[in-house]
Amino acid sequence: MANHKSALKRIRSNDKRRLRNRYYAKSMRNMIKLFRNLKDKATAEEQFPKLTSIIDRNAKRSVIHKNKAGNLKSKLSRYMTSL
């Protein structure tokens, strides 16, 4: 266990940040899953900008790496064009 006040505060703030990051990452994964289950190209084209903005926001918040965000957007756009 930590011995300093600052270390105790760091533990508390890390726990808060970890829970927040888990929420953002899980909600992003759920949206990706819903997007991959779409069969209609029109709805996919409508949903794609919202999904990419969420992915970019998570990359900006360092929930995911920026290269992972790029890879995800690339794969999802490839899926959208294949519909």
PDB file of N, CA and C in Angstrom:
ATOM      1  N   MET A   1       0.846  -1.180   0.000  1.00  0.00           N
ATOM      2  CA  MET A   1       0.000   0.000   0.000  1.00  0.00           C
ATOM      3  C   MET A   1       0.890   1.242   0.000  1.00  0.00           C
ATOM      4  N   ALA A   2       0.345   2.310  -0.544  1.00  0.00           N
ATOM      5  CA  ALA A   2       1.103   3.550  -0.675  1.00  0.00           C
ATOM      6  C   ALA A   2       1.325   4.206   0.682  1.00  0.00           C
ATOM      7  N   ASN A   3       2.438   4.899   0.812  1.00  0.00           N
ATOM      8  CA  ASN A   3       2.795   5.550   2.070  1.00  0.00           C
ATOM      9  C   ASN A   3       2.626   7.056   2.039  1.00  0.00           C
ATOM     10  N   HIS A   4       2.539   7.662   0.862  1.00  0.00           N
ATOM     11  CA  HIS A   4       2.473   9.109   0.748  1.00  0.00           C
ATOM     12  C   HIS A   4       1.076   9.556   0.336  1.00  0.00           C
ATOM     13  N   LYS A   5       0.748  10.793   0.736  1.00  0.00           N
ATOM     14  CA  LYS A   5      -0.559  11.331   0.381  1.00  0.00           C
ATOM     15  C   LYS A   5      -0.732  11.419  -1.130  1.00  0.00           C
ATOM     16  N   SER A   6       0.318  11.831  -1.798  1.00  0.00           N
ATOM     17  CA  SER A   6       0.216  11.976  -3.256  1.00  0.00           C
ATOM     18  C   SER A   6       0.034  10.621  -3.936  1.00  0.00           C
ATOM     19  N   ALA A   7       0.657   9.578  -3.379  1.00  0.00           N
ATOM     20  CA  ALA A   7       0.502   8.242  -3.953  1.00  0.00           C
ATOM     21  C   ALA A   7      -0.919   7.719  -3.740  1.00  0.00           C
ATOM     22  N   LEU A   8      -1.503   8.032  -2.583  1.00  0.00           N
ATOM     23  CA  LEU A   8      -2.887   7.633  -2.327  1.00  0.00           C
ATOM     24  C   LEU A   8      -3.836   8.347  -3.288  1.00  0.00           C
ATOM     25  N   LYS A   9      -3.574   9.647  -3.519  1.00  0.00           N
ATOM     26  CA  LYS A   9      -4.408  10.387  -4.450  1.00  0.00           C
ATOM     27  C   LYS A   9      -4.246   9.839  -5.868  1.00  0.00           C
ATOM     28  N   ARG A  10      -3.037   9.475  -6.229  1.00  0.00           N
ATOM     29  CA  ARG A  10      -2.783   8.917  -7.556  1.00  0.00           C
ATOM     30  C   ARG A  10      -3.563   7.609  -7.739  1.00  0.00           C
ATOM     31  N   ILE A  11      -3.638   6.792  -6.700  1.00  0.00           N
ATOM     32  CA  ILE A  11      -4.401   5.538  -6.772  1.00  0.00           C
ATOM     33  C   ILE A  11      -5.880   5.836  -6.997  1.00  0.00           C
ATOM     34  N   ARG A  12      -6.407   6.820  -6.264  1.00  0.00           N
ATOM     35  CA  ARG A  12      -7.824   7.181  -6.426  1.00  0.00           C
ATOM     36  C   ARG A  12      -8.097   7.711  -7.829  1.00  0.00           C
ATOM     37  N   SER A  13      -7.236   8.593  -8.308  1.00  0.00           N
ATOM     38  CA  SER A  13      -7.475   9.176  -9.633  1.00  0.00           C
ATOM     39  C   SER A  13      -7.300   8.137 -10.735  1.00  0.00           C
ATOM     40  N   ASN A  14      -6.365   7.193 -10.558  1.00  0.00           N
ATOM     41  CA  ASN A  14      -6.189   6.134 -11.548  1.00  0.00           C
ATOM     42  C   ASN A  14      -7.419   5.239 -11.618  1.00  0.00           C
ATOM     43  N   ASP A  15      -8.031   4.964 -10.466  1.00  0.00           N
ATOM     44  CA  ASP A  15      -9.241   4.146 -10.462  1.00  0.00           C
ATOM     45  C   ASP A  15     -10.379   4.842 -11.204  1.00  0.00           C
ATOM     46  N   LYS A  16     -10.539   6.142 -10.945  1.00  0.00           N
ATOM     47  CA  LYS A  16     -11.580   6.896 -11.651  1.00  0.00           C
ATOM     48  C   LYS A  16     -11.332   6.891 -13.152  1.00  0.00           C
ATOM     49  N   ARG A  17     -10.087   7.135 -13.528  1.00  0.00           N
ATOM     50  CA  ARG A  17      -9.744   7.190 -14.951  1.00  0.00           C
ATOM     51  C   ARG A  17      -9.922   5.831 -15.611  1.00  0.00           C
ATOM     52  N   ARG A  18      -9.572   4.760 -14.904  1.00  0.00           N
ATOM     53  CA  ARG A  18      -9.702   3.413 -15.454  1.00  0.00           C
ATOM     54  C   ARG A  18     -11.166   3.086 -15.724  1.00  0.00           C
ATOM     55  N   LEU A  19     -12.050   3.433 -14.777  1.00  0.00           N
ATOM     56  CA  LEU A  19     -13.473   3.179 -14.972  1.00  0.00           C
ATOM     57  C   LEU A  19     -14.024   3.997 -16.131  1.00  0.00           C
ATOM     58  N   ARG A  20     -13.607   5.249 -16.238  1.00  0.00           N
ATOM     59  CA  ARG A  20     -14.065   6.098 -17.327  1.00  0.00           C
ATOM     60  C   ARG A  20     -13.585   5.560 -18.670  1.00  0.00           C
ATOM     61  N   ASN A  21     -12.319   5.137 -18.729  1.00  0.00           N
ATOM     62  CA  ASN A  21     -11.784   4.582 -19.975  1.00  0.00           C
ATOM     63  C   ASN A  21     -12.498   3.293 -20.359  1.00  0.00           C
ATOM     64  N   ARG A  22     -12.822   2.457 -19.369  1.00  0.00           N
ATOM     65  CA  ARG A  22     -13.552   1.224 -19.650  1.00  0.00           C
ATOM     66  C   ARG A  22     -14.918   1.532 -20.236  1.00  0.00           C
ATOM     67  N   TYR A  23     -15.585   2.563 -19.708  1.00  0.00           N
ATOM     68  CA  TYR A  23     -16.900   2.943 -20.221  1.00  0.00           C
ATOM     69  C   TYR A  23     -16.793   3.403 -21.671  1.00  0.00           C
ATOM     70  N   TYR A  24     -15.835   4.290 -21.961  1.00  0.00           N
ATOM     71  CA  TYR A  24     -15.679   4.803 -23.316  1.00  0.00           C
ATOM     72  C   TYR A  24     -15.322   3.686 -24.291  1.00  0.00           C
ATOM     73  N   ALA A  25     -14.416   2.804 -23.881  1.00  0.00           N
ATOM     74  CA  ALA A  25     -13.981   1.727 -24.770  1.00  0.00           C
ATOM     75  C   ALA A  25     -15.110   0.743 -25.021  1.00  0.00           C
ATOM     76  N   LYS A  26     -15.859   0.399 -23.985  1.00  0.00           N
ATOM     77  CA  LYS A  26     -16.940  -0.571 -24.142  1.00  0.00           C
ATOM     78  C   LYS A  26     -18.061  -0.010 -25.000  1.00  0.00           C
ATOM     79  N   SER A  27     -18.413   1.255 -24.807  1.00  0.00           N
ATOM     80  CA  SER A  27     -19.470   1.843 -25.622  1.00  0.00           C
ATOM     81  C   SER A  27     -19.028   1.932 -27.084  1.00  0.00           C
ATOM     82  N   MET A  28     -17.742   2.202 -27.324  1.00  0.00           N
ATOM     83  CA  MET A  28     -17.236   2.230 -28.693  1.00  0.00           C
ATOM     84  C   MET A  28     -17.299   0.839 -29.314  1.00  0.00           C
ATOM     85  N   ARG A  29     -16.901  -0.179 -28.567  1.00  0.00           N
ATOM     86  CA  ARG A  29     -16.951  -1.544 -29.094  1.00  0.00           C
ATOM     87  C   ARG A  29     -18.381  -1.973 -29.406  1.00  0.00           C
ATOM     88  N   ASN A  30     -19.338  -1.567 -28.559  1.00  0.00           N
ATOM     89  CA  ASN A  30     -20.734  -1.905 -28.817  1.00  0.00           C
ATOM     90  C   ASN A  30     -21.228  -1.240 -30.096  1.00  0.00           C
ATOM     91  N   MET A  31     -20.849   0.016 -30.312  1.00  0.00           N
ATOM     92  CA  MET A  31     -21.266   0.695 -31.538  1.00  0.00           C
ATOM     93  C   MET A  31     -20.638   0.058 -32.772  1.00  0.00           C
ATOM     94  N   ILE A  32     -19.388  -0.382 -32.655  1.00  0.00           N
ATOM     95  CA  ILE A  32     -18.726  -1.049 -33.775  1.00  0.00           C
ATOM     96  C   ILE A  32     -19.437  -2.361 -34.089  1.00  0.00           C
ATOM     97  N   LYS A  33     -19.815  -3.083 -33.046  1.00  0.00           N
ATOM     98  CA  LYS A  33     -20.522  -4.348 -33.237  1.00  0.00           C
ATOM     99  C   LYS A  33     -21.855  -4.125 -33.946  1.00  0.00           C
ATOM    100  N   LEU A  34     -22.597  -3.094 -33.521  1.00  0.00           N
ATOM    101  CA  LEU A  34     -23.867  -2.779 -34.175  1.00  0.00           C
ATOM    102  C   LEU A  34     -23.646  -2.368 -35.629  1.00  0.00           C
ATOM    103  N   PHE A  35     -22.581  -1.618 -35.888  1.00  0.00           N
ATOM    104  CA  PHE A  35     -22.278  -1.178 -37.250  1.00  0.00           C
ATOM    105  C   PHE A  35     -21.951  -2.363 -38.138  1.00  0.00           C
ATOM    106  N   ARG A  36     -21.198  -3.324 -37.620  1.00  0.00           N
ATOM    107  CA  ARG A  36     -20.817  -4.488 -38.428  1.00  0.00           C
ATOM    108  C   ARG A  36     -21.999  -5.411 -38.707  1.00  0.00           C
ATOM    109  N   ASN A  37     -23.061  -5.295 -37.910  1.00  0.00           N
ATOM    110  CA  ASN A  37     -24.248  -6.110 -38.150  1.00  0.00           C
ATOM    111  C   ASN A  37     -25.221  -5.461 -39.121  1.00  0.00           C
ATOM    112  N   LEU A  38     -24.939  -4.225 -39.554  1.00  0.00           N
ATOM    113  CA  LEU A  38     -25.827  -3.546 -40.495  1.00  0.00           C
ATOM    114  C   LEU A  38     -25.748  -4.221 -41.856  1.00  0.00           C
ATOM    115  N   LYS A  39     -26.907  -4.301 -42.524  1.00  0.00           N
ATOM    116  CA  LYS A  39     -26.952  -4.886 -43.860  1.00  0.00           C
ATOM    117  C   LYS A  39     -27.329  -3.860 -44.919  1.00  0.00           C
ATOM    118  N   ASP A  40     -27.821  -2.706 -44.502  1.00  0.00           N
ATOM    119  CA  ASP A  40     -28.268  -1.673 -45.427  1.00  0.00           C
ATOM    120  C   ASP A  40     -27.178  -0.612 -45.585  1.00  0.00           C
ATOM    121  N   LYS A  41     -26.806  -0.331 -46.836  1.00  0.00           N
ATOM    122  CA  LYS A  41     -25.718   0.617 -47.081  1.00  0.00           C
ATOM    123  C   LYS A  41     -26.097   2.039 -46.697  1.00  0.00           C
ATOM    124  N   ALA A  42     -27.361   2.410 -46.878  1.00  0.00           N
ATOM    125  CA  ALA A  42     -27.788   3.779 -46.563  1.00  0.00           C
ATOM    126  C   ALA A  42     -27.662   4.068 -45.066  1.00  0.00           C
ATOM    127  N   THR A  43     -28.093   3.135 -44.243  1.00  0.00           N
ATOM    128  CA  THR A  43     -27.965   3.349 -42.795  1.00  0.00           C
ATOM    129  C   THR A  43     -26.507   3.307 -42.369  1.00  0.00           C
ATOM    130  N   ALA A  44     -25.713   2.472 -43.025  1.00  0.00           N
ATOM    131  CA  ALA A  44     -24.288   2.418 -42.691  1.00  0.00           C
ATOM    132  C   ALA A  44     -23.606   3.741 -43.020  1.00  0.00           C
ATOM    133  N   GLU A  45     -23.951   4.336 -44.162  1.00  0.00           N
ATOM    134  CA  GLU A  45     -23.364   5.625 -44.519  1.00  0.00           C
ATOM    135  C   GLU A  45     -23.824   6.728 -43.580  1.00  0.00           C
ATOM    136  N   GLU A  46     -25.016   6.579 -43.038  1.00  0.00           N
ATOM    137  CA  GLU A  46     -25.513   7.559 -42.073  1.00  0.00           C
ATOM    138  C   GLU A  46     -24.810   7.412 -40.725  1.00  0.00           C
ATOM    139  N   GLN A  47     -24.538   6.180 -40.308  1.00  0.00           N
ATOM    140  CA  GLN A  47     -23.926   5.910 -39.006  1.00  0.00           C
ATOM    141  C   GLN A  47     -22.408   6.117 -38.998  1.00  0.00           C
ATOM    142  N   PHE A  48     -21.773   5.999 -40.161  1.00  0.00           N
ATOM    143  CA  PHE A  48     -20.306   6.009 -40.219  1.00  0.00           C
ATOM    144  C   PHE A  48     -19.673   7.279 -39.665  1.00  0.00           C
ATOM    145  N   PRO A  49     -20.150   8.491 -39.992  1.00  0.00           N
ATOM    146  CA  PRO A  49     -19.512   9.692 -39.416  1.00  0.00           C
ATOM    147  C   PRO A  49     -19.612   9.760 -37.897  1.00  0.00           C
ATOM    148  N   LYS A  50     -20.746   9.319 -37.336  1.00  0.00           N
ATOM    149  CA  LYS A  50     -20.877   9.320 -35.872  1.00  0.00           C
ATOM    150  C   LYS A  50     -19.875   8.356 -35.240  1.00  0.00           C
ATOM    151  N   LEU A  51     -19.738   7.186 -35.862  1.00  0.00           N
ATOM    152  CA  LEU A  51     -18.823   6.178 -35.323  1.00  0.00           C
ATOM    153  C   LEU A  51     -17.378   6.632 -35.421  1.00  0.00           C
ATOM    154  N   THR A  52     -17.006   7.245 -36.541  1.00  0.00           N
ATOM    155  CA  THR A  52     -15.622   7.703 -36.672  1.00  0.00           C
ATOM    156  C   THR A  52     -15.306   8.829 -35.694  1.00  0.00           C
ATOM    157  N   SER A  53     -16.304   9.684 -35.411  1.00  0.00           N
ATOM    158  CA  SER A  53     -16.039  10.746 -34.442  1.00  0.00           C
ATOM    159  C   SER A  53     -15.835  10.170 -33.051  1.00  0.00           C
ATOM    160  N   ILE A  54     -16.582   9.128 -32.710  1.00  0.00           N
ATOM    161  CA  ILE A  54     -16.397   8.483 -31.404  1.00  0.00           C
ATOM    162  C   ILE A  54     -15.026   7.818 -31.328  1.00  0.00           C
ATOM    163  N   ILE A  55     -14.623   7.161 -32.409  1.00  0.00           N
ATOM    164  CA  ILE A  55     -13.303   6.517 -32.438  1.00  0.00           C
ATOM    165  C   ILE A  55     -12.203   7.567 -32.296  1.00  0.00           C
ATOM    166  N   ASP A  56     -12.339   8.683 -33.024  1.00  0.00           N
ATOM    167  CA  ASP A  56     -11.336   9.751 -32.932  1.00  0.00           C
ATOM    168  C   ASP A  56     -11.284  10.357 -31.541  1.00  0.00           C
ATOM    169  N   ARG A  57     -12.452  10.511 -30.930  1.00  0.00           N
ATOM    170  CA  ARG A  57     -12.501  11.081 -29.582  1.00  0.00           C
ATOM    171  C   ARG A  57     -11.794  10.159 -28.587  1.00  0.00           C
ATOM    172  N   ASN A  58     -11.994   8.840 -28.732  1.00  0.00           N
ATOM    173  CA  ASN A  58     -11.322   7.907 -27.838  1.00  0.00           C
ATOM    174  C   ASN A  58      -9.817   7.898 -28.068  1.00  0.00           C
ATOM    175  N   ALA A  59      -9.394   8.093 -29.303  1.00  0.00           N
ATOM    176  CA  ALA A  59      -7.958   8.182 -29.572  1.00  0.00           C
ATOM    177  C   ALA A  59      -7.383   9.450 -28.956  1.00  0.00           C
ATOM    178  N   LYS A  60      -8.157  10.548 -29.022  1.00  0.00           N
ATOM    179  CA  LYS A  60      -7.690  11.808 -28.437  1.00  0.00           C
ATOM    180  C   LYS A  60      -7.585  11.704 -26.924  1.00  0.00           C
ATOM    181  N   ARG A  61      -8.511  10.963 -26.315  1.00  0.00           N
ATOM    182  CA  ARG A  61      -8.493  10.776 -24.858  1.00  0.00           C
ATOM    183  C   ARG A  61      -7.502   9.716 -24.410  1.00  0.00           C
ATOM    184  N   SER A  62      -6.805   9.096 -25.344  1.00  0.00           N
ATOM    185  CA  SER A  62      -5.842   8.015 -25.086  1.00  0.00           C
ATOM    186  C   SER A  62      -6.506   6.772 -24.506  1.00  0.00           C
ATOM    187  N   VAL A  63      -7.772   6.564 -24.850  1.00  0.00           N
ATOM    188  CA  VAL A  63      -8.425   5.309 -24.484  1.00  0.00           C
ATOM    189  C   VAL A  63      -7.903   4.213 -25.400  1.00  0.00           C
ATOM    190  N   ILE A  64      -7.744   4.556 -26.685  1.00  0.00           N
ATOM    191  CA  ILE A  64      -7.119   3.650 -27.646  1.00  0.00           C
ATOM    192  C   ILE A  64      -5.982   4.406 -28.324  1.00  0.00           C
ATOM    193  N   HIS A  65      -5.079   3.668 -28.936  1.00  0.00           N
ATOM    194  CA  HIS A  65      -3.942   4.268 -29.630  1.00  0.00           C
ATOM    195  C   HIS A  65      -4.410   4.879 -30.944  1.00  0.00           C
ATOM    196  N   LYS A  66      -3.719   5.917 -31.391  1.00  0.00           N
ATOM    197  CA  LYS A  66      -4.145   6.599 -32.620  1.00  0.00           C
ATOM    198  C   LYS A  66      -4.033   5.685 -33.833  1.00  0.00           C
ATOM    199  N   ASN A  67      -3.060   4.779 -33.846  1.00  0.00           N
ATOM    200  CA  ASN A  67      -2.951   3.843 -34.971  1.00  0.00           C
ATOM    201  C   ASN A  67      -4.099   2.845 -34.965  1.00  0.00           C
ATOM    202  N   LYS A  68      -4.526   2.420 -33.778  1.00  0.00           N
ATOM    203  CA  LYS A  68      -5.680   1.525 -33.687  1.00  0.00           C
ATOM    204  C   LYS A  68      -6.927   2.226 -34.197  1.00  0.00           C
ATOM    205  N   ALA A  69      -7.053   3.504 -33.891  1.00  0.00           N
ATOM    206  CA  ALA A  69      -8.201   4.268 -34.380  1.00  0.00           C
ATOM    207  C   ALA A  69      -8.185   4.312 -35.904  1.00  0.00           C
ATOM    208  N   GLY A  70      -7.030   4.544 -36.481  1.00  0.00           N
ATOM    209  CA  GLY A  70      -6.923   4.564 -37.938  1.00  0.00           C
ATOM    210  C   GLY A  70      -7.250   3.221 -38.550  1.00  0.00           C
ATOM    211  N   ASN A  71      -6.755   2.156 -37.936  1.00  0.00           N
ATOM    212  CA  ASN A  71      -7.032   0.815 -38.444  1.00  0.00           C
ATOM    213  C   ASN A  71      -8.520   0.495 -38.364  1.00  0.00           C
ATOM    214  N   LEU A  72      -9.154   0.866 -37.257  1.00  0.00           N
ATOM    215  CA  LEU A  72     -10.585   0.618 -37.109  1.00  0.00           C
ATOM    216  C   LEU A  72     -11.387   1.360 -38.162  1.00  0.00           C
ATOM    217  N   LYS A  73     -11.069   2.639 -38.358  1.00  0.00           N
ATOM    218  CA  LYS A  73     -11.812   3.434 -39.336  1.00  0.00           C
ATOM    219  C   LYS A  73     -11.613   2.872 -40.741  1.00  0.00           C
ATOM    220  N   SER A  74     -10.408   2.415 -41.034  1.00  0.00           N
ATOM    221  CA  SER A  74     -10.129   1.847 -42.349  1.00  0.00           C
ATOM    222  C   SER A  74     -10.935   0.571 -42.578  1.00  0.00           C
ATOM    223  N   LYS A  75     -10.944  -0.303 -41.592  1.00  0.00           N
ATOM    224  CA  LYS A  75     -11.685  -1.563 -41.732  1.00  0.00           C
ATOM    225  C   LYS A  75     -13.180  -1.315 -41.832  1.00  0.00           C
ATOM    226  N   LEU A  76     -13.684  -0.371 -41.039  1.00  0.00           N
ATOM    227  CA  LEU A  76     -15.118  -0.094 -41.067  1.00  0.00           C
ATOM    228  C   LEU A  76     -15.532   0.560 -42.385  1.00  0.00           C
ATOM    229  N   SER A  77     -14.690   1.425 -42.927  1.00  0.00           N
ATOM    230  CA  SER A  77     -15.033   2.040 -44.206  1.00  0.00           C
ATOM    231  C   SER A  77     -14.983   1.000 -45.323  1.00  0.00           C
ATOM    232  N   ARG A  78     -14.040   0.055 -45.237  1.00  0.00           N
ATOM    233  CA  ARG A  78     -13.974  -1.018 -46.217  1.00  0.00           C
ATOM    234  C   ARG A  78     -15.226  -1.887 -46.140  1.00  0.00           C
ATOM    235  N   TYR A  79     -15.688  -2.145 -44.902  1.00  0.00           N
ATOM    236  CA  TYR A  79     -16.916  -2.916 -44.742  1.00  0.00           C
ATOM    237  C   TYR A  79     -18.099  -2.163 -45.326  1.00  0.00           C
ATOM    238  N   MET A  80     -18.147  -0.856 -45.092  1.00  0.00           N
ATOM    239  CA  MET A  80     -19.269  -0.044 -45.566  1.00  0.00           C
ATOM    240  C   MET A  80     -19.317  -0.046 -47.101  1.00  0.00           C
ATOM    241  N   THR A  81     -18.171   0.067 -47.758  1.00  0.00           N
ATOM    242  CA  THR A  81     -18.170   0.080 -49.217  1.00  0.00           C
ATOM    243  C   THR A  81     -18.493  -1.290 -49.802  1.00  0.00           C
ATOM    244  N   SER A  82     -18.251  -2.356 -49.039  1.00  0.00           N
ATOM    245  CA  SER A  82     -18.544  -3.696 -49.543  1.00  0.00           C
ATOM    246  C   SER A  82     -20.028  -4.038 -49.454  1.00  0.00           C
ATOM    247  N   LEU A  83     -20.811  -3.226 -48.745  1.00  0.00           N
ATOM    248  CA  LEU A  83     -22.245  -3.516 -48.629  1.00  0.00           C
ATOM    249  C   LEU A  83     -22.959  -3.331 -49.967  1.00  0.00           C
TER     250      LEU A  83
END
